Amino acid sequence: MQRQQINATQLLERINSGEALNMIDVRGAIEYHTYNIGGVNIPLDKLTESIDDWDYNKTDELIVICKVGLRSATAQTLLLQNGYQNVKNLAGGLMAIQKLK
């Protein structure tokens, strides 16, 4: 099972270029509404119960995001175990993004 990552610089470049990205923010709703960079908010504890209802293809690139990269690493594992093949974890999470801004 290959674990791919994307760093904050790479992600910001792709966002700023206007690229349409499939980002999943796995933090809780309050955290998400306090600060986010877009994407869909699916809290980690709700991820597995909603995974079968998604419109994503198993081969779509999915970028998982959280505050520091730990919850999103767990989400990445869950997604890979459920057959998603191109899941990237934001290394350092949103803290890394905020350091660049």
C-alpha atoms as a PDB file:
ATOM      1  CA  MET A   1       0.000   0.000   0.000  1.00  0.00           C
ATOM      2  CA  GLN A   2       1.734   3.113  -1.206  1.00  0.00           C
ATOM      3  CA  ARG A   3       1.408   6.250   0.920  1.00  0.00           C
ATOM      4  CA  GLN A   4       1.579   9.374  -1.163  1.00  0.00           C
ATOM      5  CA  GLN A   5       1.931  12.853   0.254  1.00  0.00           C
ATOM      6  CA  ILE A   6       1.602  16.353  -1.069  1.00  0.00           C
ATOM      7  CA  ASN A   7       3.354  19.223   0.664  1.00  0.00           C
ATOM      8  CA  ALA A   8       1.870  22.619   1.474  1.00  0.00           C
ATOM      9  CA  THR A   9       3.788  24.420  -1.281  1.00  0.00           C
ATOM     10  CA  GLN A  10       2.651  21.950  -3.951  1.00  0.00           C
ATOM     11  CA  LEU A  11      -0.964  22.112  -2.805  1.00  0.00           C
ATOM     12  CA  LEU A  12      -1.065  25.918  -2.665  1.00  0.00           C
ATOM     13  CA  GLU A  13       0.430  26.132  -6.169  1.00  0.00           C
ATOM     14  CA  ARG A  14      -2.280  23.825  -7.486  1.00  0.00           C
ATOM     15  CA  ILE A  15      -5.070  25.723  -5.673  1.00  0.00           C
ATOM     16  CA  ASN A  16      -3.746  29.099  -6.841  1.00  0.00           C
ATOM     17  CA  SER A  17      -3.538  27.879 -10.441  1.00  0.00           C
ATOM     18  CA  GLY A  18      -7.286  27.228 -10.332  1.00  0.00           C
ATOM     19  CA  GLU A  19      -6.988  23.465 -10.635  1.00  0.00           C
ATOM     20  CA  ALA A  20     -10.111  21.586  -9.576  1.00  0.00           C
ATOM     21  CA  LEU A  21      -9.046  19.344  -6.698  1.00  0.00           C
ATOM     22  CA  ASN A  22     -10.868  16.659  -4.722  1.00  0.00           C
ATOM     23  CA  MET A  23      -9.979  17.728  -1.185  1.00  0.00           C
ATOM     24  CA  ILE A  24     -11.489  16.050   1.851  1.00  0.00           C
ATOM     25  CA  ASP A  25     -11.072  17.866   5.172  1.00  0.00           C
ATOM     26  CA  VAL A  26     -11.440  15.261   7.931  1.00  0.00           C
ATOM     27  CA  ARG A  27     -11.520  17.678  10.871  1.00  0.00           C
ATOM     28  CA  GLY A  28     -14.644  18.302  12.911  1.00  0.00           C
ATOM     29  CA  ALA A  29     -17.240  20.771  11.628  1.00  0.00           C
ATOM     30  CA  ILE A  30     -16.296  23.542  14.074  1.00  0.00           C
ATOM     31  CA  GLU A  31     -12.616  23.317  13.114  1.00  0.00           C
ATOM     32  CA  TYR A  32     -13.562  23.329   9.433  1.00  0.00           C
ATOM     33  CA  HIS A  33     -15.787  26.396   9.742  1.00  0.00           C
ATOM     34  CA  THR A  34     -13.150  28.243  11.766  1.00  0.00           C
ATOM     35  CA  TYR A  35     -10.504  27.874   9.025  1.00  0.00           C
ATOM     36  CA  ASN A  36     -10.394  25.899   5.791  1.00  0.00           C
ATOM     37  CA  ILE A  37      -8.880  25.992   2.309  1.00  0.00           C
ATOM     38  CA  GLY A  38     -11.900  24.506   0.594  1.00  0.00           C
ATOM     39  CA  GLY A  39     -12.791  20.941  -0.048  1.00  0.00           C
ATOM     40  CA  VAL A  40     -15.536  18.808   1.426  1.00  0.00           C
ATOM     41  CA  ASN A  41     -15.800  18.493   5.198  1.00  0.00           C
ATOM     42  CA  ILE A  42     -16.210  14.834   6.162  1.00  0.00           C
ATOM     43  CA  PRO A  43     -15.105  14.374   9.790  1.00  0.00           C
ATOM     44  CA  LEU A  44     -12.908  11.319  10.301  1.00  0.00           C
ATOM     45  CA  ASP A  45     -15.490   9.602  12.535  1.00  0.00           C
ATOM     46  CA  LYS A  46     -18.078   9.910   9.724  1.00  0.00           C
ATOM     47  CA  LEU A  47     -15.725   8.891   6.903  1.00  0.00           C
ATOM     48  CA  THR A  48     -16.317   5.145   6.854  1.00  0.00           C
ATOM     49  CA  GLU A  49     -20.091   5.373   7.212  1.00  0.00           C
ATOM     50  CA  SER A  50     -20.405   7.695   4.196  1.00  0.00           C
ATOM     51  CA  ILE A  51     -17.688   6.215   1.960  1.00  0.00           C
ATOM     52  CA  ASP A  52     -20.100   4.112  -0.104  1.00  0.00           C
ATOM     53  CA  ASP A  53     -22.223   7.161  -0.946  1.00  0.00           C
ATOM     54  CA  TRP A  54     -19.436   9.145  -2.605  1.00  0.00           C
ATOM     55  CA  ASP A  55     -19.393  10.259  -6.209  1.00  0.00           C
ATOM     56  CA  TYR A  56     -15.619   9.855  -6.504  1.00  0.00           C
ATOM     57  CA  ASN A  57     -14.151   7.152  -8.707  1.00  0.00           C
ATOM     58  CA  LYS A  58     -11.701   4.809  -7.006  1.00  0.00           C
ATOM     59  CA  THR A  59      -8.983   6.142  -9.326  1.00  0.00           C
ATOM     60  CA  ASP A  60      -9.650   9.868  -8.722  1.00  0.00           C
ATOM     61  CA  GLU A  61      -6.954  11.800  -6.922  1.00  0.00           C
ATOM     62  CA  LEU A  62      -8.171  12.549  -3.395  1.00  0.00           C
ATOM     63  CA  ILE A  63      -6.256  14.892  -1.101  1.00  0.00           C
ATOM     64  CA  VAL A  64      -6.998  14.407   2.593  1.00  0.00           C
ATOM     65  CA  ILE A  65      -6.472  17.315   4.968  1.00  0.00           C
ATOM     66  CA  CYS A  66      -6.502  17.914   8.726  1.00  0.00           C
ATOM     67  CA  LYS A  67      -4.729  20.218  11.180  1.00  0.00           C
ATOM     68  CA  VAL A  68      -1.304  18.559  11.338  1.00  0.00           C
ATOM     69  CA  GLY A  69      -1.576  15.476   9.113  1.00  0.00           C
ATOM     70  CA  LEU A  70      -2.370  12.760  11.654  1.00  0.00           C
ATOM     71  CA  ARG A  71      -6.129  12.361  11.201  1.00  0.00           C
ATOM     72  CA  SER A  72      -5.711  12.690   7.455  1.00  0.00           C
ATOM     73  CA  ALA A  73      -3.097   9.903   7.531  1.00  0.00           C
ATOM     74  CA  THR A  74      -5.707   7.699   9.230  1.00  0.00           C
ATOM     75  CA  ALA A  75      -8.259   8.749   6.592  1.00  0.00           C
ATOM     76  CA  GLN A  76      -5.734   7.924   3.872  1.00  0.00           C
ATOM     77  CA  THR A  77      -5.352   4.406   5.284  1.00  0.00           C
ATOM     78  CA  LEU A  78      -9.143   3.931   5.430  1.00  0.00           C
ATOM     79  CA  LEU A  79      -9.566   5.131   1.855  1.00  0.00           C
ATOM     80  CA  LEU A  80      -6.787   2.882   0.563  1.00  0.00           C
ATOM     81  CA  GLN A  81      -8.333  -0.073   2.415  1.00  0.00           C
ATOM     82  CA  ASN A  82     -11.639   0.725   0.689  1.00  0.00           C
ATOM     83  CA  GLY A  83     -10.102   0.548  -2.766  1.00  0.00           C
ATOM     84  CA  TYR A  84      -9.219   4.185  -3.465  1.00  0.00           C
ATOM     85  CA  GLN A  85      -5.928   4.136  -5.333  1.00  0.00           C
ATOM     86  CA  ASN A  86      -4.744   7.747  -5.544  1.00  0.00           C
ATOM     87  CA  VAL A  87      -5.009   9.237  -2.043  1.00  0.00           C
ATOM     88  CA  LYS A  88      -2.562  11.938  -0.959  1.00  0.00           C
ATOM     89  CA  ASN A  89      -2.109  13.191   2.577  1.00  0.00           C
ATOM     90  CA  LEU A  90      -1.282  16.879   3.108  1.00  0.00           C
ATOM     91  CA  ALA A  91       2.080  16.655   4.898  1.00  0.00           C
ATOM     92  CA  GLY A  92       2.044  18.855   7.987  1.00  0.00           C
ATOM     93  CA  GLY A  93      -1.636  19.590   7.502  1.00  0.00           C
ATOM     94  CA  LEU A  94      -3.169  23.038   7.558  1.00  0.00           C
ATOM     95  CA  MET A  95      -0.496  24.204  10.004  1.00  0.00           C
ATOM     96  CA  ALA A  96       2.005  23.869   7.143  1.00  0.00           C
ATOM     97  CA  ILE A  97      -0.293  25.878   4.850  1.00  0.00           C
ATOM     98  CA  GLN A  98      -0.673  28.648   7.442  1.00  0.00           C
ATOM     99  CA  LYS A  99       3.103  28.911   7.840  1.00  0.00           C
ATOM    100  CA  LEU A 100       3.380  29.746   4.120  1.00  0.00           C
ATOM    101  CA  LYS A 101       0.738  32.461   4.115  1.00  0.00           C
END
